[in-house]
């Protein structure tokens, strides 16, 4: 890791730790992940990543292809074992905890709207399934009247008219409707962390804007700690209270609060030109 990068990470950690003295919701401590180690295809995906999030933080992550953004989310979610470092969620070291055991505290929405739902089940059933996340499941289950009323109210809050279609198969929904439902399902049990992996990239601009607005609404209402990956620099600046720029598996720039609010797309491109790979600037524009 470069001296400049170490200084940026250290300053970010120091600033966060100086606030309130509360236990961070997420601490990523010098995490390294190398794929295909010792072969001609060796790839350093994460190179000593350090990051701290307090409860309610909404962090947007940007960077070129191969910067390590999705690998970072995979490391937090427990998709694979990291090579070194620690992942601590709400004071608990989950570094060696497998993905299925983190499911009760970490929720994720992917780019593909088809991934987060069960297509052959209806809206009500999908929400009931989401309600069992992290809980012991049995071979039989049903949705009681109280849950039905709760799910209908939640779906109505999306303002997509789906509350009148609770028995409709999810495979019949549009991509935007499905992604909005996925977002609702991911936050139903108020997880410690919400990971959004370019969750609007597959949607048309109008639908993406609607899902982003719903994202902001739901995360604010739940005080939800969130990490959102995006290639859209305007969205990265518009949403959340922190921004992180990655390149070649490292955090090369961070900003939060008033500093983030003052940033422009031009500022971010200049930063990437100064700290990152010139060849990837087009991916951020």
C-alpha atoms as a PDB file:
ATOM      1  CA  UNK A   1       0.000   0.000   0.000  1.00  0.00           C
ATOM      2  CA  UNK A   2       1.353   3.434  -0.914  1.00  0.00           C
ATOM      3  CA  UNK A   3       2.262   5.985   1.788  1.00  0.00           C
ATOM      4  CA  UNK A   4      -0.414   8.322   0.397  1.00  0.00           C
ATOM      5  CA  UNK A   5      -3.055   5.612   0.645  1.00  0.00           C
ATOM      6  CA  UNK A   6      -2.001   4.661   4.189  1.00  0.00           C
ATOM      7  CA  UNK A   7      -2.238   8.277   5.231  1.00  0.00           C
ATOM      8  CA  UNK A   8      -5.751   8.594   3.749  1.00  0.00           C
ATOM      9  CA  UNK A   9      -6.960   5.429   5.512  1.00  0.00           C
ATOM     10  CA  UNK A  10      -5.370   6.416   8.803  1.00  0.00           C
ATOM     11  CA  UNK A  11      -6.952   9.862   8.717  1.00  0.00           C
ATOM     12  CA  UNK A  12     -10.372   8.370   7.937  1.00  0.00           C
ATOM     13  CA  UNK A  13     -10.102   5.885  10.819  1.00  0.00           C
ATOM     14  CA  UNK A  14      -8.847   8.547  13.223  1.00  0.00           C
ATOM     15  CA  UNK A  15     -11.680  10.924  12.349  1.00  0.00           C
ATOM     16  CA  UNK A  16     -14.294   8.216  12.879  1.00  0.00           C
ATOM     17  CA  UNK A  17     -12.865   6.965  16.160  1.00  0.00           C
ATOM     18  CA  UNK A  18     -12.818  10.464  17.548  1.00  0.00           C
ATOM     19  CA  UNK A  19     -16.619  10.695  17.226  1.00  0.00           C
ATOM     20  CA  UNK A  20     -18.787   9.863  20.247  1.00  0.00           C
ATOM     21  CA  UNK A  21     -16.712   6.859  21.309  1.00  0.00           C
ATOM     22  CA  UNK A  22     -19.422   4.384  20.300  1.00  0.00           C
ATOM     23  CA  UNK A  23     -18.642   0.935  18.926  1.00  0.00           C
ATOM     24  CA  UNK A  24     -18.521   1.182  15.102  1.00  0.00           C
ATOM     25  CA  UNK A  25     -21.143  -0.791  13.218  1.00  0.00           C
ATOM     26  CA  UNK A  26     -18.433  -2.029  10.839  1.00  0.00           C
ATOM     27  CA  UNK A  27     -14.671  -2.144  11.173  1.00  0.00           C
ATOM     28  CA  UNK A  28     -12.621  -3.448   8.259  1.00  0.00           C
ATOM     29  CA  UNK A  29      -9.074  -3.801   9.529  1.00  0.00           C
ATOM     30  CA  UNK A  30      -6.233  -4.194   7.011  1.00  0.00           C
ATOM     31  CA  UNK A  31      -8.098  -6.779   4.939  1.00  0.00           C
ATOM     32  CA  UNK A  32      -6.180  -8.476   2.145  1.00  0.00           C
ATOM     33  CA  UNK A  33      -7.478 -10.905  -0.472  1.00  0.00           C
ATOM     34  CA  UNK A  34      -5.349 -12.451  -3.207  1.00  0.00           C
ATOM     35  CA  UNK A  35      -6.870 -14.710  -5.849  1.00  0.00           C
ATOM     36  CA  UNK A  36      -4.855 -17.423  -7.641  1.00  0.00           C
ATOM     37  CA  UNK A  37      -1.865 -16.835  -5.384  1.00  0.00           C
ATOM     38  CA  UNK A  38       1.443 -18.068  -6.783  1.00  0.00           C
ATOM     39  CA  UNK A  39       0.160 -18.457 -10.349  1.00  0.00           C
ATOM     40  CA  UNK A  40       0.465 -16.349 -13.478  1.00  0.00           C
ATOM     41  CA  UNK A  41      -3.118 -15.236 -12.814  1.00  0.00           C
ATOM     42  CA  UNK A  42      -2.390 -13.917  -9.300  1.00  0.00           C
ATOM     43  CA  UNK A  43      -4.600 -10.932  -8.524  1.00  0.00           C
ATOM     44  CA  UNK A  44      -4.385  -8.744  -5.438  1.00  0.00           C
ATOM     45  CA  UNK A  45      -8.079  -7.885  -5.107  1.00  0.00           C
ATOM     46  CA  UNK A  46      -7.887  -6.183  -1.698  1.00  0.00           C
ATOM     47  CA  UNK A  47      -4.632  -4.719  -0.454  1.00  0.00           C
ATOM     48  CA  UNK A  48      -4.785  -3.810   3.232  1.00  0.00           C
ATOM     49  CA  UNK A  49      -8.252  -2.241   3.117  1.00  0.00           C
ATOM     50  CA  UNK A  50      -9.234  -0.291   6.241  1.00  0.00           C
ATOM     51  CA  UNK A  51     -12.652   1.276   6.768  1.00  0.00           C
ATOM     52  CA  UNK A  52     -14.899   2.196   9.698  1.00  0.00           C
ATOM     53  CA  UNK A  53     -18.653   2.825   9.572  1.00  0.00           C
ATOM     54  CA  UNK A  54     -20.812   4.088  12.402  1.00  0.00           C
ATOM     55  CA  UNK A  55     -24.473   3.158  12.787  1.00  0.00           C
ATOM     56  CA  UNK A  56     -26.537   4.939  10.151  1.00  0.00           C
ATOM     57  CA  UNK A  57     -23.602   5.723   7.850  1.00  0.00           C
ATOM     58  CA  UNK A  58     -24.413   5.486   4.146  1.00  0.00           C
ATOM     59  CA  UNK A  59     -21.215   5.055   2.152  1.00  0.00           C
ATOM     60  CA  UNK A  60     -21.024   5.180  -1.625  1.00  0.00           C
ATOM     61  CA  UNK A  61     -18.078   3.346  -3.219  1.00  0.00           C
ATOM     62  CA  UNK A  62     -16.729   4.217  -6.663  1.00  0.00           C
ATOM     63  CA  UNK A  63     -13.804   3.016  -8.761  1.00  0.00           C
ATOM     64  CA  UNK A  64     -12.914   1.541 -12.131  1.00  0.00           C
ATOM     65  CA  UNK A  65     -13.442  -2.079 -13.170  1.00  0.00           C
ATOM     66  CA  UNK A  66     -11.301  -4.392 -11.057  1.00  0.00           C
ATOM     67  CA  UNK A  67     -10.825  -1.801  -8.319  1.00  0.00           C
ATOM     68  CA  UNK A  68     -12.011  -4.270  -5.678  1.00  0.00           C
ATOM     69  CA  UNK A  69     -15.462  -2.847  -4.963  1.00  0.00           C
ATOM     70  CA  UNK A  70     -17.489  -6.060  -5.226  1.00  0.00           C
ATOM     71  CA  UNK A  71     -14.668  -8.027  -3.606  1.00  0.00           C
ATOM     72  CA  UNK A  72     -14.949  -5.679  -0.641  1.00  0.00           C
ATOM     73  CA  UNK A  73     -18.664  -6.464  -0.284  1.00  0.00           C
ATOM     74  CA  UNK A  74     -17.945 -10.181  -0.644  1.00  0.00           C
ATOM     75  CA  UNK A  75     -15.386  -9.942   2.158  1.00  0.00           C
ATOM     76  CA  UNK A  76     -17.898  -8.208   4.433  1.00  0.00           C
ATOM     77  CA  UNK A  77     -20.644 -10.697   3.532  1.00  0.00           C
ATOM     78  CA  UNK A  78     -18.350 -13.691   4.135  1.00  0.00           C
ATOM     79  CA  UNK A  79     -18.552 -15.065   0.591  1.00  0.00           C
ATOM     80  CA  UNK A  80     -14.925 -16.198   0.895  1.00  0.00           C
ATOM     81  CA  UNK A  81     -12.206 -16.340   3.529  1.00  0.00           C
ATOM     82  CA  UNK A  82      -9.908 -13.321   3.551  1.00  0.00           C
ATOM     83  CA  UNK A  83      -6.134 -13.841   3.596  1.00  0.00           C
ATOM     84  CA  UNK A  84      -5.407 -11.415   6.419  1.00  0.00           C
ATOM     85  CA  UNK A  85      -7.058  -8.718   8.506  1.00  0.00           C
ATOM     86  CA  UNK A  86     -10.369  -8.608  10.358  1.00  0.00           C
ATOM     87  CA  UNK A  87     -14.029  -7.863   9.710  1.00  0.00           C
ATOM     88  CA  UNK A  88     -15.870  -6.726  12.842  1.00  0.00           C
ATOM     89  CA  UNK A  89     -19.628  -6.077  12.825  1.00  0.00           C
ATOM     90  CA  UNK A  90     -21.125  -4.215  15.785  1.00  0.00           C
ATOM     91  CA  UNK A  91     -18.209  -5.228  18.004  1.00  0.00           C
ATOM     92  CA  UNK A  92     -18.261  -8.914  17.018  1.00  0.00           C
ATOM     93  CA  UNK A  93     -15.344 -10.389  15.048  1.00  0.00           C
ATOM     94  CA  UNK A  94     -16.997 -12.226  12.134  1.00  0.00           C
ATOM     95  CA  UNK A  95     -13.785 -12.802  10.170  1.00  0.00           C
ATOM     96  CA  UNK A  96     -14.098 -16.569  10.365  1.00  0.00           C
ATOM     97  CA  UNK A  97     -17.899 -16.659  10.377  1.00  0.00           C
ATOM     98  CA  UNK A  98     -19.316 -18.254   7.170  1.00  0.00           C
ATOM     99  CA  UNK A  99     -21.705 -16.408   4.894  1.00  0.00           C
ATOM    100  CA  UNK A 100     -24.878 -18.222   6.011  1.00  0.00           C
ATOM    101  CA  UNK A 101     -24.228 -17.296   9.633  1.00  0.00           C
ATOM    102  CA  UNK A 102     -23.803 -13.629   8.722  1.00  0.00           C
ATOM    103  CA  UNK A 103     -27.184 -13.638   6.950  1.00  0.00           C
ATOM    104  CA  UNK A 104     -28.993 -12.455  10.056  1.00  0.00           C
ATOM    105  CA  UNK A 105     -26.899  -9.279  10.250  1.00  0.00           C
ATOM    106  CA  UNK A 106     -25.856  -8.652   6.622  1.00  0.00           C
ATOM    107  CA  UNK A 107     -28.294  -8.206   3.735  1.00  0.00           C
ATOM    108  CA  UNK A 108     -27.405  -7.670   0.099  1.00  0.00           C
ATOM    109  CA  UNK A 109     -29.077  -6.428  -3.073  1.00  0.00           C
ATOM    110  CA  UNK A 110     -27.386  -7.334  -6.351  1.00  0.00           C
ATOM    111  CA  UNK A 111     -27.330  -5.703  -9.775  1.00  0.00           C
ATOM    112  CA  UNK A 112     -29.587  -8.343 -11.338  1.00  0.00           C
ATOM    113  CA  UNK A 113     -33.227  -7.866 -10.183  1.00  0.00           C
ATOM    114  CA  UNK A 114     -33.780 -11.605 -10.729  1.00  0.00           C
ATOM    115  CA  UNK A 115     -31.371 -12.675  -7.968  1.00  0.00           C
ATOM    116  CA  UNK A 116     -32.983 -11.347  -4.804  1.00  0.00           C
ATOM    117  CA  UNK A 117     -36.439 -12.912  -5.077  1.00  0.00           C
ATOM    118  CA  UNK A 118     -38.090 -16.298  -5.633  1.00  0.00           C
ATOM    119  CA  UNK A 119     -39.721 -15.906  -9.054  1.00  0.00           C
ATOM    120  CA  UNK A 120     -42.313 -18.661  -8.688  1.00  0.00           C
ATOM    121  CA  UNK A 121     -43.568 -17.353  -5.335  1.00  0.00           C
ATOM    122  CA  UNK A 122     -45.924 -14.423  -4.882  1.00  0.00           C
ATOM    123  CA  UNK A 123     -45.086 -11.085  -3.245  1.00  0.00           C
ATOM    124  CA  UNK A 124     -46.527 -12.075   0.113  1.00  0.00           C
ATOM    125  CA  UNK A 125     -44.603 -15.357   0.177  1.00  0.00           C
ATOM    126  CA  UNK A 126     -41.355 -13.631  -0.747  1.00  0.00           C
ATOM    127  CA  UNK A 127     -41.731 -11.209   2.145  1.00  0.00           C
ATOM    128  CA  UNK A 128     -42.532 -14.076   4.521  1.00  0.00           C
ATOM    129  CA  UNK A 129     -39.399 -15.853   3.319  1.00  0.00           C
ATOM    130  CA  UNK A 130     -37.360 -12.703   3.922  1.00  0.00           C
ATOM    131  CA  UNK A 131     -38.857 -12.460   7.414  1.00  0.00           C
ATOM    132  CA  UNK A 132     -37.252 -15.793   8.246  1.00  0.00           C
ATOM    133  CA  UNK A 133     -33.757 -14.630   7.300  1.00  0.00           C
ATOM    134  CA  UNK A 134     -31.277 -15.802   9.905  1.00  0.00           C
ATOM    135  CA  UNK A 135     -33.937 -17.792  11.766  1.00  0.00           C
ATOM    136  CA  UNK A 136     -34.430 -21.533  12.048  1.00  0.00           C
ATOM    137  CA  UNK A 137     -36.692 -22.761   9.263  1.00  0.00           C
ATOM    138  CA  UNK A 138     -39.094 -25.684   9.194  1.00  0.00           C
ATOM    139  CA  UNK A 139     -40.578 -27.706   6.364  1.00  0.00           C
ATOM    140  CA  UNK A 140     -43.960 -26.022   6.761  1.00  0.00           C
ATOM    141  CA  UNK A 141     -44.833 -22.381   7.241  1.00  0.00           C
ATOM    142  CA  UNK A 142     -47.716 -20.018   6.605  1.00  0.00           C
ATOM    143  CA  UNK A 143     -48.438 -16.309   6.734  1.00  0.00           C
ATOM    144  CA  UNK A 144     -50.789 -15.251   9.517  1.00  0.00           C
ATOM    145  CA  UNK A 145     -53.282 -12.377   9.256  1.00  0.00           C
ATOM    146  CA  UNK A 146     -51.089  -9.984  11.238  1.00  0.00           C
ATOM    147  CA  UNK A 147     -48.133 -10.598   8.940  1.00  0.00           C
ATOM    148  CA  UNK A 148     -50.341 -10.239   5.870  1.00  0.00           C
ATOM    149  CA  UNK A 149     -51.464  -6.792   7.059  1.00  0.00           C
ATOM    150  CA  UNK A 150     -47.879  -5.780   7.866  1.00  0.00           C
ATOM    151  CA  UNK A 151     -46.571  -6.888   4.468  1.00  0.00           C
ATOM    152  CA  UNK A 152     -49.373  -5.094   2.637  1.00  0.00           C
ATOM    153  CA  UNK A 153     -48.598  -1.887   4.512  1.00  0.00           C
ATOM    154  CA  UNK A 154     -44.887  -2.176   3.743  1.00  0.00           C
ATOM    155  CA  UNK A 155     -45.516  -2.810   0.046  1.00  0.00           C
ATOM    156  CA  UNK A 156     -47.926   0.149  -0.067  1.00  0.00           C
ATOM    157  CA  UNK A 157     -45.089   2.370   1.191  1.00  0.00           C
ATOM    158  CA  UNK A 158     -43.259   1.688  -2.090  1.00  0.00           C
ATOM    159  CA  UNK A 159     -46.039   3.576  -3.900  1.00  0.00           C
ATOM    160  CA  UNK A 160     -45.888   1.209  -6.861  1.00  0.00           C
ATOM    161  CA  UNK A 161     -49.436  -0.132  -6.583  1.00  0.00           C
ATOM    162  CA  UNK A 162     -48.192  -3.578  -5.625  1.00  0.00           C
ATOM    163  CA  UNK A 163     -50.281  -3.746  -2.437  1.00  0.00           C
ATOM    164  CA  UNK A 164     -53.223  -4.773  -4.634  1.00  0.00           C
ATOM    165  CA  UNK A 165     -51.157  -7.558  -6.195  1.00  0.00           C
ATOM    166  CA  UNK A 166     -49.882  -9.384  -3.120  1.00  0.00           C
ATOM    167  CA  UNK A 167     -50.764 -12.768  -4.647  1.00  0.00           C
ATOM    168  CA  UNK A 168     -49.057 -12.017  -7.964  1.00  0.00           C
ATOM    169  CA  UNK A 169     -46.050 -14.134  -8.889  1.00  0.00           C
ATOM    170  CA  UNK A 170     -42.865 -12.092  -8.641  1.00  0.00           C
ATOM    171  CA  UNK A 171     -41.809 -13.290 -12.099  1.00  0.00           C
ATOM    172  CA  UNK A 172     -44.616 -11.112 -13.496  1.00  0.00           C
ATOM    173  CA  UNK A 173     -43.177  -7.895 -12.020  1.00  0.00           C
ATOM    174  CA  UNK A 174     -41.036  -5.432 -13.944  1.00  0.00           C
ATOM    175  CA  UNK A 175     -37.326  -5.128 -13.171  1.00  0.00           C
ATOM    176  CA  UNK A 176     -37.861  -1.953 -11.178  1.00  0.00           C
ATOM    177  CA  UNK A 177     -40.765  -3.396  -9.184  1.00  0.00           C
ATOM    178  CA  UNK A 178     -38.758  -6.505  -8.456  1.00  0.00           C
ATOM    179  CA  UNK A 179     -35.707  -4.547  -7.322  1.00  0.00           C
ATOM    180  CA  UNK A 180     -37.861  -2.362  -5.075  1.00  0.00           C
ATOM    181  CA  UNK A 181     -39.341  -5.518  -3.540  1.00  0.00           C
ATOM    182  CA  UNK A 182     -35.839  -6.965  -3.119  1.00  0.00           C
ATOM    183  CA  UNK A 183     -34.790  -3.821  -1.275  1.00  0.00           C
ATOM    184  CA  UNK A 184     -37.803  -4.117   1.004  1.00  0.00           C
ATOM    185  CA  UNK A 185     -37.038  -7.777   1.660  1.00  0.00           C
ATOM    186  CA  UNK A 186     -33.377  -7.045   2.401  1.00  0.00           C
ATOM    187  CA  UNK A 187     -34.273  -4.493   5.065  1.00  0.00           C
ATOM    188  CA  UNK A 188     -37.326  -6.249   6.511  1.00  0.00           C
ATOM    189  CA  UNK A 189     -35.493  -7.523   9.601  1.00  0.00           C
ATOM    190  CA  UNK A 190     -33.354  -4.376   9.892  1.00  0.00           C
ATOM    191  CA  UNK A 191     -29.934  -5.979   9.335  1.00  0.00           C
ATOM    192  CA  UNK A 192     -26.792  -4.478  10.838  1.00  0.00           C
ATOM    193  CA  UNK A 193     -25.453  -3.860   7.328  1.00  0.00           C
ATOM    194  CA  UNK A 194     -27.056  -3.378   3.922  1.00  0.00           C
ATOM    195  CA  UNK A 195     -24.801  -4.014   0.924  1.00  0.00           C
ATOM    196  CA  UNK A 196     -25.950  -2.612  -2.418  1.00  0.00           C
ATOM    197  CA  UNK A 197     -23.887  -3.950  -5.322  1.00  0.00           C
ATOM    198  CA  UNK A 198     -24.763  -1.602  -8.217  1.00  0.00           C
ATOM    199  CA  UNK A 199     -28.417  -2.378  -7.514  1.00  0.00           C
ATOM    200  CA  UNK A 200     -29.735   0.112 -10.098  1.00  0.00           C
ATOM    201  CA  UNK A 201     -27.236  -0.557 -12.912  1.00  0.00           C
ATOM    202  CA  UNK A 202     -29.587  -2.884 -14.820  1.00  0.00           C
ATOM    203  CA  UNK A 203     -32.528  -0.450 -14.703  1.00  0.00           C
ATOM    204  CA  UNK A 204     -33.496   2.344 -17.067  1.00  0.00           C
ATOM    205  CA  UNK A 205     -32.704   5.867 -15.784  1.00  0.00           C
ATOM    206  CA  UNK A 206     -36.258   6.683 -14.664  1.00  0.00           C
ATOM    207  CA  UNK A 207     -36.688   3.393 -12.821  1.00  0.00           C
ATOM    208  CA  UNK A 208     -33.191   3.642 -11.329  1.00  0.00           C
ATOM    209  CA  UNK A 209     -34.027   7.073  -9.937  1.00  0.00           C
ATOM    210  CA  UNK A 210     -37.185   5.670  -8.338  1.00  0.00           C
ATOM    211  CA  UNK A 211     -35.307   2.763  -6.727  1.00  0.00           C
ATOM    212  CA  UNK A 212     -32.589   5.125  -5.467  1.00  0.00           C
ATOM    213  CA  UNK A 213     -35.230   7.383  -3.937  1.00  0.00           C
ATOM    214  CA  UNK A 214     -36.752   4.335  -2.220  1.00  0.00           C
ATOM    215  CA  UNK A 215     -33.278   3.330  -1.062  1.00  0.00           C
ATOM    216  CA  UNK A 216     -32.764   6.712   0.571  1.00  0.00           C
ATOM    217  CA  UNK A 217     -36.247   6.615   2.115  1.00  0.00           C
ATOM    218  CA  UNK A 218     -35.887   3.124   3.596  1.00  0.00           C
ATOM    219  CA  UNK A 219     -32.323   3.521   4.864  1.00  0.00           C
ATOM    220  CA  UNK A 220     -33.136   6.869   6.489  1.00  0.00           C
ATOM    221  CA  UNK A 221     -36.242   5.483   8.182  1.00  0.00           C
ATOM    222  CA  UNK A 222     -34.285   2.514   9.576  1.00  0.00           C
ATOM    223  CA  UNK A 223     -31.079   4.453  10.308  1.00  0.00           C
ATOM    224  CA  UNK A 224     -29.602   1.674   8.189  1.00  0.00           C
ATOM    225  CA  UNK A 225     -25.835   1.349   7.883  1.00  0.00           C
ATOM    226  CA  UNK A 226     -25.277   0.958   4.143  1.00  0.00           C
ATOM    227  CA  UNK A 227     -22.521   0.459   1.588  1.00  0.00           C
ATOM    228  CA  UNK A 228     -23.562   1.207  -2.008  1.00  0.00           C
ATOM    229  CA  UNK A 229     -21.356   0.489  -5.013  1.00  0.00           C
ATOM    230  CA  UNK A 230     -22.056   2.619  -8.064  1.00  0.00           C
ATOM    231  CA  UNK A 231     -20.402   3.638 -11.313  1.00  0.00           C
ATOM    232  CA  UNK A 232     -22.579   6.745 -11.460  1.00  0.00           C
ATOM    233  CA  UNK A 233     -20.546   9.543  -9.918  1.00  0.00           C
ATOM    234  CA  UNK A 234     -23.546  11.877  -9.624  1.00  0.00           C
ATOM    235  CA  UNK A 235     -25.382   9.234  -7.602  1.00  0.00           C
ATOM    236  CA  UNK A 236     -22.270   8.690  -5.477  1.00  0.00           C
ATOM    237  CA  UNK A 237     -22.261  12.383  -4.609  1.00  0.00           C
ATOM    238  CA  UNK A 238     -26.039  12.705  -4.176  1.00  0.00           C
ATOM    239  CA  UNK A 239     -26.623   9.793  -1.817  1.00  0.00           C
ATOM    240  CA  UNK A 240     -25.073   8.979   1.521  1.00  0.00           C
ATOM    241  CA  UNK A 241     -22.906  10.873   3.968  1.00  0.00           C
ATOM    242  CA  UNK A 242     -19.562   9.338   2.961  1.00  0.00           C
ATOM    243  CA  UNK A 243     -17.798   8.512  -0.290  1.00  0.00           C
ATOM    244  CA  UNK A 244     -14.930   6.089  -0.868  1.00  0.00           C
ATOM    245  CA  UNK A 245     -12.838   5.839  -4.031  1.00  0.00           C
ATOM    246  CA  UNK A 246     -11.005   2.573  -4.742  1.00  0.00           C
ATOM    247  CA  UNK A 247      -8.266   1.588  -7.172  1.00  0.00           C
ATOM    248  CA  UNK A 248      -6.334  -1.670  -7.484  1.00  0.00           C
ATOM    249  CA  UNK A 249      -7.672  -3.027  -4.221  1.00  0.00           C
ATOM    250  CA  UNK A 250      -6.936   0.060  -2.163  1.00  0.00           C
ATOM    251  CA  UNK A 251      -8.902   2.992  -0.778  1.00  0.00           C
ATOM    252  CA  UNK A 252      -7.288   6.009  -2.417  1.00  0.00           C
ATOM    253  CA  UNK A 253      -9.676   8.758  -1.327  1.00  0.00           C
ATOM    254  CA  UNK A 254     -12.430   9.296   1.215  1.00  0.00           C
ATOM    255  CA  UNK A 255     -14.679  12.233   2.060  1.00  0.00           C
ATOM    256  CA  UNK A 256     -17.619  12.726   4.380  1.00  0.00           C
ATOM    257  CA  UNK A 257     -19.994  15.343   5.700  1.00  0.00           C
ATOM    258  CA  UNK A 258     -19.448  18.878   4.470  1.00  0.00           C
ATOM    259  CA  UNK A 259     -16.356  17.888   2.483  1.00  0.00           C
ATOM    260  CA  UNK A 260     -18.419  15.372   0.490  1.00  0.00           C
ATOM    261  CA  UNK A 261     -21.246  17.871  -0.051  1.00  0.00           C
ATOM    262  CA  UNK A 262     -18.837  20.316  -1.688  1.00  0.00           C
ATOM    263  CA  UNK A 263     -17.415  17.762  -4.136  1.00  0.00           C
ATOM    264  CA  UNK A 264     -18.317  17.787  -7.830  1.00  0.00           C
ATOM    265  CA  UNK A 265     -17.936  15.127 -10.511  1.00  0.00           C
ATOM    266  CA  UNK A 266     -15.019  17.140 -11.876  1.00  0.00           C
ATOM    267  CA  UNK A 267     -13.389  17.044  -8.444  1.00  0.00           C
ATOM    268  CA  UNK A 268     -13.674  13.259  -8.327  1.00  0.00           C
ATOM    269  CA  UNK A 269     -12.206  12.848 -11.796  1.00  0.00           C
ATOM    270  CA  UNK A 270      -9.302  15.088 -10.803  1.00  0.00           C
ATOM    271  CA  UNK A 271      -8.745  13.043  -7.641  1.00  0.00           C
ATOM    272  CA  UNK A 272      -8.712   9.829  -9.619  1.00  0.00           C
ATOM    273  CA  UNK A 273      -6.278  11.355 -12.094  1.00  0.00           C
ATOM    274  CA  UNK A 274      -3.967  12.308  -9.229  1.00  0.00           C
ATOM    275  CA  UNK A 275      -4.255   9.127  -7.159  1.00  0.00           C
ATOM    276  CA  UNK A 276      -5.486   6.366  -9.436  1.00  0.00           C
ATOM    277  CA  UNK A 277      -5.117   4.924 -12.911  1.00  0.00           C
ATOM    278  CA  UNK A 278      -5.547   7.348 -15.785  1.00  0.00           C
ATOM    279  CA  UNK A 279      -6.768   4.486 -17.972  1.00  0.00           C
ATOM    280  CA  UNK A 280      -9.815   3.990 -15.709  1.00  0.00           C
ATOM    281  CA  UNK A 281     -10.993   7.607 -15.686  1.00  0.00           C
ATOM    282  CA  UNK A 282     -13.436   6.933 -18.512  1.00  0.00           C
ATOM    283  CA  UNK A 283     -15.159   4.293 -16.351  1.00  0.00           C
ATOM    284  CA  UNK A 284     -15.927   6.934 -13.754  1.00  0.00           C
ATOM    285  CA  UNK A 285     -17.234   9.604 -16.112  1.00  0.00           C
END
